[in-house]
Amino acid sequence: MATPGILPAAADAVPDSPCVSLCQMHAATGWCRGCLRTLDEIAGWSRLDNPGKYAVLHQLQARRITFQALPLALREPITPPDPAGK
C-alpha cells in the first residue's frame, strides 16, 4: 500500500529517486539542499524496498515545509555550481 499523499502510478511502481543533482548538505538540518534527504537516506536509497522509498518520500514533504519555514539566514541561499568551473 502506498504512503498517503505519495501515490504510485501502479501498485508495483518503483519510486524515482528524489535527487535533483543539487548535492549540497545543509549544515543546520543535515539534509541535502536539493532533495532534502539525509546522508543515510541517500546512501541507502538503492537498497530500500518500495515501501521504504515511499516512506522517505513522505518524510520529504514535511521536511520541505520545515525547510521553507526556516529564516532566510538559516536556509543559506543555494548557488548552483558553475558548469564551466569558474
N, C-alpha and C. Protein backbone atom coordinates (compact mmCIF):
# COMPACT_ATOMS: atom_id res chain seq x y z
N MET A 1 0.84 -1.18 0.00
CA MET A 1 0.00 0.00 0.00
C MET A 1 0.89 1.24 0.00
N ALA A 2 0.51 2.23 -0.76
CA ALA A 2 1.28 3.46 -0.87
C ALA A 2 1.09 4.33 0.35
N THR A 3 2.09 5.13 0.61
CA THR A 3 2.00 6.10 1.70
C THR A 3 1.02 7.19 1.29
N PRO A 4 0.11 7.61 2.19
CA PRO A 4 -0.84 8.66 1.84
C PRO A 4 -0.11 9.90 1.32
N GLY A 5 -0.62 10.45 0.22
CA GLY A 5 -0.02 11.64 -0.36
C GLY A 5 1.06 11.33 -1.38
N ILE A 6 1.53 10.09 -1.42
CA ILE A 6 2.55 9.68 -2.39
C ILE A 6 1.96 8.46 -3.12
N LEU A 7 1.31 8.70 -4.23
CA LEU A 7 0.63 7.63 -4.92
C LEU A 7 1.43 7.14 -6.12
N PRO A 8 1.75 5.84 -6.15
CA PRO A 8 2.46 5.32 -7.31
C PRO A 8 1.52 5.23 -8.51
N ALA A 9 2.09 5.25 -9.70
CA ALA A 9 1.29 5.14 -10.91
C ALA A 9 0.67 3.75 -11.02
N ALA A 10 1.32 2.75 -10.49
CA ALA A 10 0.81 1.38 -10.48
C ALA A 10 1.22 0.75 -9.16
N ALA A 11 0.53 -0.31 -8.80
CA ALA A 11 0.76 -0.93 -7.49
C ALA A 11 2.21 -1.36 -7.30
N ASP A 12 2.87 -1.75 -8.39
CA ASP A 12 4.25 -2.22 -8.27
C ASP A 12 5.27 -1.18 -8.76
N ALA A 13 4.84 0.06 -8.87
CA ALA A 13 5.72 1.12 -9.39
C ALA A 13 6.91 1.34 -8.46
N VAL A 14 8.07 1.45 -9.04
CA VAL A 14 9.29 1.76 -8.29
C VAL A 14 9.42 3.28 -8.25
N PRO A 15 9.47 3.85 -7.04
CA PRO A 15 9.57 5.30 -6.95
C PRO A 15 10.90 5.81 -7.50
N ASP A 16 10.84 6.93 -8.21
CA ASP A 16 12.06 7.56 -8.70
C ASP A 16 12.82 8.17 -7.53
N SER A 17 14.11 8.26 -7.68
CA SER A 17 14.92 8.94 -6.68
C SER A 17 14.53 10.42 -6.66
N PRO A 18 14.47 11.02 -5.48
CA PRO A 18 14.15 12.44 -5.40
C PRO A 18 15.34 13.34 -5.72
N CYS A 19 16.48 12.76 -6.05
CA CYS A 19 17.68 13.54 -6.35
C CYS A 19 17.42 14.49 -7.52
N VAL A 20 17.84 15.75 -7.34
CA VAL A 20 17.71 16.76 -8.40
C VAL A 20 19.09 17.27 -8.83
N SER A 21 20.13 16.52 -8.48
CA SER A 21 21.51 16.84 -8.84
C SER A 21 21.98 18.19 -8.31
N LEU A 22 21.51 18.54 -7.14
CA LEU A 22 21.99 19.72 -6.43
C LEU A 22 22.42 19.22 -5.06
N CYS A 23 23.56 18.57 -5.03
CA CYS A 23 24.00 17.82 -3.86
C CYS A 23 24.89 18.67 -2.96
N GLN A 24 24.26 19.34 -2.01
CA GLN A 24 24.96 20.14 -1.01
C GLN A 24 24.26 19.88 0.31
N MET A 25 25.01 19.50 1.32
CA MET A 25 24.40 19.23 2.62
C MET A 25 24.22 20.54 3.39
N HIS A 26 23.06 20.70 3.98
CA HIS A 26 22.74 21.88 4.79
C HIS A 26 23.21 21.60 6.21
N ALA A 27 24.10 22.42 6.70
CA ALA A 27 24.74 22.17 8.00
C ALA A 27 23.75 22.16 9.16
N ALA A 28 22.78 23.06 9.16
CA ALA A 28 21.87 23.17 10.30
C ALA A 28 20.87 22.02 10.38
N THR A 29 20.46 21.47 9.24
CA THR A 29 19.45 20.40 9.25
C THR A 29 20.03 19.02 9.02
N GLY A 30 21.16 18.94 8.33
CA GLY A 30 21.72 17.64 7.95
C GLY A 30 21.04 17.06 6.72
N TRP A 31 20.28 17.89 6.00
CA TRP A 31 19.58 17.45 4.80
C TRP A 31 20.29 17.98 3.56
N CYS A 32 20.20 17.21 2.49
CA CYS A 32 20.68 17.70 1.20
C CYS A 32 19.79 18.87 0.79
N ARG A 33 20.39 19.94 0.31
CA ARG A 33 19.60 21.11 -0.09
C ARG A 33 18.74 20.83 -1.32
N GLY A 34 19.15 19.92 -2.15
CA GLY A 34 18.41 19.62 -3.36
C GLY A 34 17.22 18.71 -3.14
N CYS A 35 17.45 17.59 -2.46
CA CYS A 35 16.38 16.59 -2.30
C CYS A 35 15.86 16.47 -0.87
N LEU A 36 16.54 17.10 0.07
CA LEU A 36 16.16 17.11 1.49
C LEU A 36 16.31 15.77 2.19
N ARG A 37 17.08 14.85 1.61
CA ARG A 37 17.35 13.58 2.29
C ARG A 37 18.60 13.72 3.16
N THR A 38 18.71 12.82 4.14
CA THR A 38 19.91 12.74 4.97
C THR A 38 20.96 11.93 4.20
N LEU A 39 22.19 11.98 4.67
CA LEU A 39 23.24 11.17 4.03
C LEU A 39 22.90 9.69 4.09
N ASP A 40 22.35 9.22 5.21
CA ASP A 40 21.98 7.81 5.32
C ASP A 40 20.89 7.44 4.32
N GLU A 41 19.92 8.33 4.14
CA GLU A 41 18.84 8.06 3.17
C GLU A 41 19.36 8.06 1.75
N ILE A 42 20.29 8.95 1.46
CA ILE A 42 20.88 9.00 0.12
C ILE A 42 21.67 7.72 -0.14
N ALA A 43 22.53 7.37 0.80
CA ALA A 43 23.38 6.18 0.64
C ALA A 43 22.58 4.89 0.58
N GLY A 44 21.48 4.83 1.30
CA GLY A 44 20.70 3.60 1.36
C GLY A 44 19.57 3.49 0.36
N TRP A 45 19.34 4.53 -0.45
CA TRP A 45 18.19 4.55 -1.35
C TRP A 45 18.11 3.30 -2.23
N SER A 46 19.20 2.90 -2.84
CA SER A 46 19.17 1.76 -3.77
C SER A 46 18.87 0.43 -3.07
N ARG A 47 19.09 0.38 -1.76
CA ARG A 47 18.83 -0.86 -1.02
C ARG A 47 17.43 -0.89 -0.39
N LEU A 48 16.72 0.23 -0.40
CA LEU A 48 15.39 0.27 0.19
C LEU A 48 14.39 -0.46 -0.70
N ASP A 49 13.42 -1.13 -0.07
CA ASP A 49 12.32 -1.69 -0.84
C ASP A 49 11.35 -0.55 -1.17
N ASN A 50 10.36 -0.82 -2.01
CA ASN A 50 9.43 0.23 -2.41
C ASN A 50 8.73 0.90 -1.23
N PRO A 51 8.21 0.14 -0.24
CA PRO A 51 7.59 0.82 0.90
C PRO A 51 8.57 1.73 1.65
N GLY A 52 9.83 1.32 1.73
CA GLY A 52 10.84 2.16 2.37
C GLY A 52 11.08 3.44 1.60
N LYS A 53 11.11 3.33 0.27
CA LYS A 53 11.30 4.52 -0.56
C LYS A 53 10.11 5.48 -0.42
N TYR A 54 8.91 4.92 -0.42
CA TYR A 54 7.72 5.77 -0.25
C TYR A 54 7.71 6.42 1.13
N ALA A 55 8.22 5.73 2.13
CA ALA A 55 8.29 6.32 3.48
C ALA A 55 9.23 7.52 3.48
N VAL A 56 10.37 7.40 2.81
CA VAL A 56 11.30 8.53 2.71
C VAL A 56 10.63 9.68 1.96
N LEU A 57 9.99 9.38 0.83
CA LEU A 57 9.33 10.43 0.05
C LEU A 57 8.27 11.15 0.88
N HIS A 58 7.56 10.40 1.69
CA HIS A 58 6.53 11.00 2.56
C HIS A 58 7.18 11.97 3.56
N GLN A 59 8.32 11.59 4.12
CA GLN A 59 9.03 12.46 5.06
C GLN A 59 9.51 13.74 4.38
N LEU A 60 9.85 13.64 3.11
CA LEU A 60 10.37 14.81 2.39
C LEU A 60 9.34 15.91 2.27
N GLN A 61 8.07 15.54 2.20
CA GLN A 61 7.01 16.56 2.13
C GLN A 61 7.05 17.44 3.37
N ALA A 62 7.15 16.83 4.55
CA ALA A 62 7.19 17.60 5.80
C ALA A 62 8.51 18.38 5.91
N ARG A 63 9.59 17.79 5.45
CA ARG A 63 10.88 18.49 5.51
C ARG A 63 10.87 19.74 4.64
N ARG A 64 10.24 19.65 3.48
CA ARG A 64 10.18 20.81 2.59
C ARG A 64 9.47 21.97 3.29
N ILE A 65 8.38 21.68 3.97
CA ILE A 65 7.65 22.71 4.72
C ILE A 65 8.53 23.27 5.83
N THR A 66 9.20 22.38 6.56
CA THR A 66 10.08 22.81 7.64
C THR A 66 11.23 23.66 7.11
N PHE A 67 11.85 23.22 6.02
CA PHE A 67 12.99 23.93 5.45
C PHE A 67 12.58 25.32 4.98
N GLN A 68 11.43 25.41 4.31
CA GLN A 68 10.99 26.70 3.80
C GLN A 68 10.54 27.64 4.92
N ALA A 69 10.23 27.10 6.09
CA ALA A 69 9.84 27.93 7.22
C ALA A 69 11.05 28.48 7.98
N LEU A 70 12.24 27.95 7.69
CA LEU A 70 13.44 28.46 8.35
C LEU A 70 13.67 29.91 7.95
N PRO A 71 14.19 30.72 8.87
CA PRO A 71 14.56 32.08 8.47
C PRO A 71 15.55 32.02 7.31
N LEU A 72 15.46 32.99 6.44
CA LEU A 72 16.30 33.01 5.23
C LEU A 72 17.77 32.84 5.56
N ALA A 73 18.21 33.46 6.64
CA ALA A 73 19.63 33.36 7.02
C ALA A 73 20.04 31.92 7.32
N LEU A 74 19.11 31.11 7.82
CA LEU A 74 19.43 29.71 8.10
C LEU A 74 19.30 28.83 6.87
N ARG A 75 18.53 29.26 5.89
CA ARG A 75 18.38 28.47 4.67
C ARG A 75 19.61 28.60 3.78
N GLU A 76 20.38 29.64 3.97
CA GLU A 76 21.58 29.85 3.18
C GLU A 76 21.29 29.63 1.69
N PRO A 77 20.98 30.69 0.99
CA PRO A 77 20.61 30.55 -0.43
C PRO A 77 21.58 29.66 -1.19
N ILE A 78 21.01 28.88 -2.06
CA ILE A 78 21.79 27.91 -2.85
C ILE A 78 22.36 28.59 -4.09
N THR A 79 23.61 28.40 -4.31
CA THR A 79 24.26 28.85 -5.54
C THR A 79 24.65 27.61 -6.32
N PRO A 80 23.97 27.35 -7.43
CA PRO A 80 24.32 26.15 -8.20
C PRO A 80 25.77 26.23 -8.66
N PRO A 81 26.44 25.08 -8.72
CA PRO A 81 27.82 25.09 -9.19
C PRO A 81 27.89 25.58 -10.64
N ASP A 82 28.94 26.28 -10.96
CA ASP A 82 29.15 26.79 -12.31
C ASP A 82 29.66 25.63 -13.17
N PRO A 83 28.90 25.24 -14.20
CA PRO A 83 29.34 24.11 -15.02
C PRO A 83 30.69 24.35 -15.70
N ALA A 84 31.06 25.61 -15.89
CA ALA A 84 32.34 25.92 -16.52
C ALA A 84 33.49 25.88 -15.52
N GLY A 85 33.14 25.70 -14.23
CA GLY A 85 34.16 25.61 -13.20
C GLY A 85 34.77 26.94 -12.82
N LYS A 86 34.08 28.03 -13.09
CA LYS A 86 34.60 29.37 -12.79
C LYS A 86 34.19 29.82 -11.42
